[in-house]
Amino acid sequence: MHVVITGANRGIGAELAALYSARGAQVTGTSRSGGDLPRLDVTQPDSHAALGRKLDGRPVDLLVCNAGVYPDKGESLADGYPPEMWADGFAVNVTGVFLTVQSLLPNLQGAKMPKIAIISSQMASHARAPGGSYIYRASKAAALNLGRNLATDLKDLEIAVGIYHPGWVRTDMGGDAADIPVETAAQGLAARFDALTIDSTGCFLTWDGHEHPY
C-alpha cells in the first residue's frame, strides 16, 4: 500500500505518516519546506510537476490532502482580513487540494482501489455559523464542496473520495485547549479511510465516524 500525505511534517499529517509506516505501508509524506521530506508547495504547479516526476509510474492507493492553513485567527471584522490573506488561504486550502488531486490522478488510476481523503473541518458546515474566522471557514467550505464534486466526477473511475472533520486537535493549529490529542485524531481518521468505499464516496464524516451536517 502506497500512501501520499500532504503537510506531513507536523501535526495530523505527521501522525498519520507514522501510523501508516507502522502498519508497513509505503508512505510519501510531503512538506512545503522540504527538508527530510519531499518538497511540495501545494500552491505551485511546478512543485506538483516535480512530485509527479518523482512518483512517475507508482500507484497511489490513498491520497490524504491534509496540508492547510488557518491564516485569520484573531482578525478583526472592522479592519482585518486583508485581500492577500484571502488569496493565500484559498490557494492552500482549496486550489492546493485540487492541484494535488489533478497531478496525482494518473497514480491513483494505477491503484486497484484508490481513495482520496480531504481534510476539511466542522467549520466548513453551513449548519455551524458562530461567526469569525471567515477565511478559514469559507476555504474549508469550498474544500468540502470540491470534495463532493470530485466524488461525482471520479466515481466512474472507481476512485472513492471522502471529506473529514479531524476533530479539534491539540496541534499548532488547534492549540493547547483543543479536545483531543493528535494520536486519537489520526487513529480515528485512519479508521474512516479504511472504511471508505466507492459506495460511500462523497461522505462528510467526523474523525470518530459520525455524519457531519453540510
C-alpha atoms as a PDB file:
ATOM      1  CA  MET A   1       0.000   0.000   0.000  1.00  0.00           C
ATOM      2  CA  HIS A   2       1.326   3.421  -1.000  1.00  0.00           C
ATOM      3  CA  VAL A   3       0.003   6.428   0.918  1.00  0.00           C
ATOM      4  CA  VAL A   4       0.715  10.044  -0.032  1.00  0.00           C
ATOM      5  CA  ILE A   5       0.105  12.636   2.688  1.00  0.00           C
ATOM      6  CA  THR A   6       0.499  16.355   2.111  1.00  0.00           C
ATOM      7  CA  GLY A   7       1.617  18.519   5.016  1.00  0.00           C
ATOM      8  CA  ALA A   8       3.239  15.546   6.761  1.00  0.00           C
ATOM      9  CA  ASN A   9       5.944  17.479   8.586  1.00  0.00           C
ATOM     10  CA  ARG A  10       3.870  18.125  11.702  1.00  0.00           C
ATOM     11  CA  GLY A  11       0.509  17.737  13.400  1.00  0.00           C
ATOM     12  CA  ILE A  12      -2.086  15.361  11.993  1.00  0.00           C
ATOM     13  CA  GLY A  13      -0.107  14.753   8.810  1.00  0.00           C
ATOM     14  CA  ALA A  14       3.000  13.648  10.693  1.00  0.00           C
ATOM     15  CA  GLU A  15       0.952  11.393  12.969  1.00  0.00           C
ATOM     16  CA  LEU A  16      -0.830   9.779  10.019  1.00  0.00           C
ATOM     17  CA  ALA A  17       2.509   9.205   8.307  1.00  0.00           C
ATOM     18  CA  ALA A  18       3.859   7.500  11.422  1.00  0.00           C
ATOM     19  CA  LEU A  19       0.709   5.391  11.774  1.00  0.00           C
ATOM     20  CA  TYR A  20       0.778   4.122   8.202  1.00  0.00           C
ATOM     21  CA  SER A  21       4.523   3.491   8.346  1.00  0.00           C
ATOM     22  CA  ALA A  22       3.959   1.378  11.469  1.00  0.00           C
ATOM     23  CA  ARG A  23       1.371  -0.603   9.512  1.00  0.00           C
ATOM     24  CA  GLY A  24       4.006  -1.384   6.908  1.00  0.00           C
ATOM     25  CA  ALA A  25       2.701   0.933   4.189  1.00  0.00           C
ATOM     26  CA  GLN A  26       4.964   2.861   1.872  1.00  0.00           C
ATOM     27  CA  VAL A  27       4.459   6.492   2.844  1.00  0.00           C
ATOM     28  CA  THR A  28       5.305   9.567   0.814  1.00  0.00           C
ATOM     29  CA  GLY A  29       4.815  12.485   3.167  1.00  0.00           C
ATOM     30  CA  THR A  30       5.374  15.949   1.779  1.00  0.00           C
ATOM     31  CA  SER A  31       6.337  19.270   3.299  1.00  0.00           C
ATOM     32  CA  ARG A  32       6.125  22.795   1.970  1.00  0.00           C
ATOM     33  CA  SER A  33       9.674  23.480   3.144  1.00  0.00           C
ATOM     34  CA  GLY A  34      11.151  20.151   2.077  1.00  0.00           C
ATOM     35  CA  GLY A  35      13.926  19.193   4.479  1.00  0.00           C
ATOM     36  CA  ASP A  36      13.756  15.482   5.337  1.00  0.00           C
ATOM     37  CA  LEU A  37      10.526  15.082   3.336  1.00  0.00           C
ATOM     38  CA  PRO A  38       9.834  15.521  -0.377  1.00  0.00           C
ATOM     39  CA  ARG A  39       9.051  19.162  -1.046  1.00  0.00           C
ATOM     40  CA  LEU A  40       5.553  20.056  -2.177  1.00  0.00           C
ATOM     41  CA  ASP A  41       4.211  23.581  -2.102  1.00  0.00           C
ATOM     42  CA  VAL A  42       0.598  22.752  -2.911  1.00  0.00           C
ATOM     43  CA  THR A  43       0.029  26.238  -4.357  1.00  0.00           C
ATOM     44  CA  GLN A  44       2.718  25.879  -7.032  1.00  0.00           C
ATOM     45  CA  PRO A  45       2.141  23.896 -10.262  1.00  0.00           C
ATOM     46  CA  ASP A  46       5.898  23.435 -10.750  1.00  0.00           C
ATOM     47  CA  SER A  47       6.153  21.831  -7.342  1.00  0.00           C
ATOM     48  CA  HIS A  48       3.343  19.413  -8.220  1.00  0.00           C
ATOM     49  CA  ALA A  49       5.068  18.601 -11.504  1.00  0.00           C
ATOM     50  CA  ALA A  50       8.288  17.779  -9.655  1.00  0.00           C
ATOM     51  CA  LEU A  51       6.471  15.441  -7.264  1.00  0.00           C
ATOM     52  CA  GLY A  52       4.685  13.852 -10.220  1.00  0.00           C
ATOM     53  CA  ARG A  53       8.053  13.095 -11.828  1.00  0.00           C
ATOM     54  CA  LYS A  54       9.309  11.621  -8.563  1.00  0.00           C
ATOM     55  CA  LEU A  55       6.287   9.328  -8.312  1.00  0.00           C
ATOM     56  CA  ASP A  56       6.013   8.567 -12.010  1.00  0.00           C
ATOM     57  CA  GLY A  57       4.637   5.074 -12.514  1.00  0.00           C
ATOM     58  CA  ARG A  58       4.000   4.443  -8.793  1.00  0.00           C
ATOM     59  CA  PRO A  59       0.372   3.689  -7.927  1.00  0.00           C
ATOM     60  CA  VAL A  60      -1.117   5.712  -5.057  1.00  0.00           C
ATOM     61  CA  ASP A  61      -3.643   3.735  -3.036  1.00  0.00           C
ATOM     62  CA  LEU A  62      -4.534   6.556  -0.638  1.00  0.00           C
ATOM     63  CA  LEU A  63      -4.022  10.288  -1.131  1.00  0.00           C
ATOM     64  CA  VAL A  64      -4.541  12.347   2.022  1.00  0.00           C
ATOM     65  CA  CYS A  65      -4.950  16.047   1.231  1.00  0.00           C
ATOM     66  CA  ASN A  66      -4.006  17.329   4.662  1.00  0.00           C
ATOM     67  CA  ALA A  67      -1.933  20.462   4.004  1.00  0.00           C
ATOM     68  CA  GLY A  68      -3.804  23.532   5.209  1.00  0.00           C
ATOM     69  CA  VAL A  69      -3.512  26.934   6.819  1.00  0.00           C
ATOM     70  CA  TYR A  70      -5.567  28.942   9.284  1.00  0.00           C
ATOM     71  CA  PRO A  71      -4.349  32.452   8.489  1.00  0.00           C
ATOM     72  CA  ASP A  72      -7.058  34.581  10.092  1.00  0.00           C
ATOM     73  CA  LYS A  73      -7.002  33.742  13.793  1.00  0.00           C
ATOM     74  CA  GLY A  74      -7.659  36.903  15.770  1.00  0.00           C
ATOM     75  CA  GLU A  75      -8.541  39.047  12.764  1.00  0.00           C
ATOM     76  CA  SER A  76     -10.992  41.891  13.304  1.00  0.00           C
ATOM     77  CA  LEU A  77     -14.073  42.315  11.118  1.00  0.00           C
ATOM     78  CA  ALA A  78     -13.640  46.069  11.334  1.00  0.00           C
ATOM     79  CA  ASP A  79     -10.153  46.288   9.875  1.00  0.00           C
ATOM     80  CA  GLY A  80      -8.753  42.782   9.343  1.00  0.00           C
ATOM     81  CA  TYR A  81      -8.938  40.039   6.711  1.00  0.00           C
ATOM     82  CA  PRO A  82      -6.840  41.749   4.018  1.00  0.00           C
ATOM     83  CA  PRO A  83      -7.323  40.552   0.425  1.00  0.00           C
ATOM     84  CA  GLU A  84      -3.910  38.910   0.251  1.00  0.00           C
ATOM     85  CA  MET A  85      -4.817  36.797   3.291  1.00  0.00           C
ATOM     86  CA  TRP A  86      -7.921  35.566   1.475  1.00  0.00           C
ATOM     87  CA  ALA A  87      -5.870  34.734  -1.616  1.00  0.00           C
ATOM     88  CA  ASP A  88      -3.227  32.854   0.360  1.00  0.00           C
ATOM     89  CA  GLY A  89      -5.792  30.918   2.413  1.00  0.00           C
ATOM     90  CA  PHE A  90      -7.734  29.748  -0.619  1.00  0.00           C
ATOM     91  CA  ALA A  91      -4.547  28.972  -2.554  1.00  0.00           C
ATOM     92  CA  VAL A  92      -3.560  26.389   0.068  1.00  0.00           C
ATOM     93  CA  ASN A  93      -6.884  25.097   1.368  1.00  0.00           C
ATOM     94  CA  VAL A  94      -8.785  24.862  -1.915  1.00  0.00           C
ATOM     95  CA  THR A  95      -6.628  25.249  -5.024  1.00  0.00           C
ATOM     96  CA  GLY A  96      -3.900  23.220  -3.349  1.00  0.00           C
ATOM     97  CA  VAL A  97      -6.263  20.298  -2.861  1.00  0.00           C
ATOM     98  CA  PHE A  98      -7.418  20.443  -6.475  1.00  0.00           C
ATOM     99  CA  LEU A  99      -3.890  20.625  -7.874  1.00  0.00           C
ATOM    100  CA  THR A 100      -2.777  17.707  -5.703  1.00  0.00           C
ATOM    101  CA  VAL A 101      -5.618  15.503  -6.926  1.00  0.00           C
ATOM    102  CA  GLN A 102      -5.147  16.607 -10.517  1.00  0.00           C
ATOM    103  CA  SER A 103      -1.402  16.000 -10.565  1.00  0.00           C
ATOM    104  CA  LEU A 104      -1.610  12.553  -8.928  1.00  0.00           C
ATOM    105  CA  LEU A 105      -4.660  11.337 -10.835  1.00  0.00           C
ATOM    106  CA  PRO A 106      -2.574   9.018 -13.056  1.00  0.00           C
ATOM    107  CA  ASN A 107      -1.033   7.449  -9.941  1.00  0.00           C
ATOM    108  CA  LEU A 108      -4.453   6.969  -8.368  1.00  0.00           C
ATOM    109  CA  GLN A 109      -5.750   5.354 -11.542  1.00  0.00           C
ATOM    110  CA  GLY A 110      -2.868   2.903 -11.340  1.00  0.00           C
ATOM    111  CA  ALA A 111      -4.061   1.540  -7.971  1.00  0.00           C
ATOM    112  CA  LYS A 112      -6.615  -1.245  -7.508  1.00  0.00           C
ATOM    113  CA  MET A 113      -8.928   0.501  -5.015  1.00  0.00           C
ATOM    114  CA  PRO A 114      -7.781   4.117  -4.881  1.00  0.00           C
ATOM    115  CA  LYS A 115      -9.037   6.564  -2.293  1.00  0.00           C
ATOM    116  CA  ILE A 116      -8.764  10.309  -1.692  1.00  0.00           C
ATOM    117  CA  ALA A 117      -9.226  11.747   1.794  1.00  0.00           C
ATOM    118  CA  ILE A 118      -9.712  15.505   2.062  1.00  0.00           C
ATOM    119  CA  ILE A 119      -9.211  17.031   5.496  1.00  0.00           C
ATOM    120  CA  SER A 120     -11.801  19.771   5.848  1.00  0.00           C
ATOM    121  CA  SER A 121     -13.339  20.896   9.154  1.00  0.00           C
ATOM    122  CA  GLN A 122     -16.597  21.207  11.034  1.00  0.00           C
ATOM    123  CA  MET A 123     -16.062  24.920  10.364  1.00  0.00           C
ATOM    124  CA  ALA A 124     -16.959  24.155   6.728  1.00  0.00           C
ATOM    125  CA  SER A 125     -20.546  23.374   7.671  1.00  0.00           C
ATOM    126  CA  HIS A 126     -23.201  25.977   6.916  1.00  0.00           C
ATOM    127  CA  ALA A 127     -25.130  24.444   9.821  1.00  0.00           C
ATOM    128  CA  ARG A 128     -22.499  25.838  12.211  1.00  0.00           C
ATOM    129  CA  ALA A 129     -22.151  29.595  11.869  1.00  0.00           C
ATOM    130  CA  PRO A 130     -20.864  31.114  15.128  1.00  0.00           C
ATOM    131  CA  GLY A 131     -19.072  33.900  13.262  1.00  0.00           C
ATOM    132  CA  GLY A 132     -15.444  34.880  12.803  1.00  0.00           C
ATOM    133  CA  SER A 133     -12.594  33.036  11.069  1.00  0.00           C
ATOM    134  CA  TYR A 134     -14.143  33.962   7.743  1.00  0.00           C
ATOM    135  CA  ILE A 135     -11.226  32.910   5.567  1.00  0.00           C
ATOM    136  CA  TYR A 136     -10.730  29.552   7.226  1.00  0.00           C
ATOM    137  CA  ARG A 137     -14.448  28.789   7.304  1.00  0.00           C
ATOM    138  CA  ALA A 138     -15.017  29.822   3.690  1.00  0.00           C
ATOM    139  CA  SER A 139     -11.980  27.969   2.364  1.00  0.00           C
ATOM    140  CA  LYS A 140     -12.816  24.760   4.240  1.00  0.00           C
ATOM    141  CA  ALA A 141     -16.405  25.019   2.976  1.00  0.00           C
ATOM    142  CA  ALA A 142     -15.001  25.304  -0.528  1.00  0.00           C
ATOM    143  CA  ALA A 143     -12.798  22.259   0.095  1.00  0.00           C
ATOM    144  CA  LEU A 144     -15.895  20.344   1.182  1.00  0.00           C
ATOM    145  CA  ASN A 145     -17.728  21.395  -1.978  1.00  0.00           C
ATOM    146  CA  LEU A 146     -14.688  20.471  -4.064  1.00  0.00           C
ATOM    147  CA  GLY A 147     -14.558  17.030  -2.493  1.00  0.00           C
ATOM    148  CA  ARG A 148     -18.232  16.389  -3.086  1.00  0.00           C
ATOM    149  CA  ASN A 149     -17.919  17.285  -6.766  1.00  0.00           C
ATOM    150  CA  LEU A 150     -14.716  15.299  -7.214  1.00  0.00           C
ATOM    151  CA  ALA A 151     -16.563  12.319  -5.768  1.00  0.00           C
ATOM    152  CA  THR A 152     -19.133  12.634  -8.553  1.00  0.00           C
ATOM    153  CA  ASP A 153     -16.603  13.008 -11.358  1.00  0.00           C
ATOM    154  CA  LEU A 154     -14.238  10.288 -10.126  1.00  0.00           C
ATOM    155  CA  LYS A 155     -16.874   7.674  -9.344  1.00  0.00           C
ATOM    156  CA  ASP A 156     -16.774   6.224 -12.860  1.00  0.00           C
ATOM    157  CA  LEU A 157     -13.007   5.826 -12.420  1.00  0.00           C
ATOM    158  CA  GLU A 158     -13.657   3.853  -9.215  1.00  0.00           C
ATOM    159  CA  ILE A 159     -11.810   6.447  -7.122  1.00  0.00           C
ATOM    160  CA  ALA A 160     -13.555   6.991  -3.782  1.00  0.00           C
ATOM    161  CA  VAL A 161     -13.453  10.435  -2.157  1.00  0.00           C
ATOM    162  CA  GLY A 162     -14.148  11.196   1.493  1.00  0.00           C
ATOM    163  CA  ILE A 163     -14.183  14.525   3.305  1.00  0.00           C
ATOM    164  CA  TYR A 164     -13.413  14.608   7.020  1.00  0.00           C
ATOM    165  CA  HIS A 165     -13.537  16.747  10.137  1.00  0.00           C
ATOM    166  CA  PRO A 166     -10.465  15.676  12.118  1.00  0.00           C
ATOM    167  CA  GLY A 167     -11.770  16.947  15.441  1.00  0.00           C
ATOM    168  CA  TRP A 168     -10.497  19.881  17.426  1.00  0.00           C
ATOM    169  CA  VAL A 169      -6.972  18.588  17.811  1.00  0.00           C
ATOM    170  CA  ARG A 170      -4.109  19.658  20.064  1.00  0.00           C
ATOM    171  CA  THR A 171      -1.693  20.784  17.363  1.00  0.00           C
ATOM    172  CA  ASP A 172      -0.028  24.088  16.494  1.00  0.00           C
ATOM    173  CA  MET A 173      -3.210  24.997  14.611  1.00  0.00           C
ATOM    174  CA  GLY A 174      -5.689  23.697  17.176  1.00  0.00           C
ATOM    175  CA  GLY A 175      -3.899  24.974  20.265  1.00  0.00           C
ATOM    176  CA  ASP A 176      -3.409  23.505  23.721  1.00  0.00           C
ATOM    177  CA  ALA A 177      -7.073  23.905  24.696  1.00  0.00           C
ATOM    178  CA  ALA A 178      -8.307  21.575  21.954  1.00  0.00           C
ATOM    179  CA  ASP A 179     -10.402  18.497  22.705  1.00  0.00           C
ATOM    180  CA  ILE A 180      -8.309  15.549  21.570  1.00  0.00           C
ATOM    181  CA  PRO A 181      -4.647  14.590  21.155  1.00  0.00           C
ATOM    182  CA  VAL A 182      -3.246  14.163  17.674  1.00  0.00           C
ATOM    183  CA  GLU A 183      -2.845  10.411  18.163  1.00  0.00           C
ATOM    184  CA  THR A 184      -6.596   9.996  18.738  1.00  0.00           C
ATOM    185  CA  ALA A 185      -7.437  12.073  15.675  1.00  0.00           C
ATOM    186  CA  ALA A 186      -5.055  10.128  13.444  1.00  0.00           C
ATOM    187  CA  GLN A 187      -6.314   6.746  14.613  1.00  0.00           C
ATOM    188  CA  GLY A 188      -9.921   7.787  14.066  1.00  0.00           C
ATOM    189  CA  LEU A 189      -9.222   9.226  10.638  1.00  0.00           C
ATOM    190  CA  ALA A 190      -7.324   6.121   9.532  1.00  0.00           C
ATOM    191  CA  ALA A 191     -10.328   4.007  10.533  1.00  0.00           C
ATOM    192  CA  ARG A 192     -12.563   6.245   8.424  1.00  0.00           C
ATOM    193  CA  PHE A 193     -10.197   5.965   5.456  1.00  0.00           C
ATOM    194  CA  ASP A 194     -10.196   2.180   5.817  1.00  0.00           C
ATOM    195  CA  ALA A 195     -13.993   2.155   5.689  1.00  0.00           C
ATOM    196  CA  LEU A 196     -14.259   4.438   2.637  1.00  0.00           C
ATOM    197  CA  THR A 197     -15.578   2.685  -0.469  1.00  0.00           C
ATOM    198  CA  ILE A 198     -16.999   3.746  -3.784  1.00  0.00           C
ATOM    199  CA  ASP A 199     -20.440   3.228  -2.257  1.00  0.00           C
ATOM    200  CA  SER A 200     -19.756   5.855   0.415  1.00  0.00           C
ATOM    201  CA  THR A 201     -17.904   8.285  -1.837  1.00  0.00           C
ATOM    202  CA  GLY A 202     -18.713  11.934  -1.169  1.00  0.00           C
ATOM    203  CA  CYS A 203     -19.238  11.370   2.562  1.00  0.00           C
ATOM    204  CA  PHE A 204     -18.555  14.119   5.109  1.00  0.00           C
ATOM    205  CA  LEU A 205     -17.670  12.426   8.374  1.00  0.00           C
ATOM    206  CA  THR A 206     -16.144  13.269  11.732  1.00  0.00           C
ATOM    207  CA  TRP A 207     -12.950  11.584  12.868  1.00  0.00           C
ATOM    208  CA  ASP A 208     -14.991   9.258  15.091  1.00  0.00           C
ATOM    209  CA  GLY A 209     -17.393   8.143  12.358  1.00  0.00           C
ATOM    210  CA  HIS A 210     -20.410  10.415  12.652  1.00  0.00           C
ATOM    211  CA  GLU A 211     -22.041  12.008   9.628  1.00  0.00           C
ATOM    212  CA  HIS A 212     -21.454  15.745   9.723  1.00  0.00           C
ATOM    213  CA  PRO A 213     -24.157  18.157   8.559  1.00  0.00           C
ATOM    214  CA  TYR A 214     -23.218  20.065   5.442  1.00  0.00           C
END
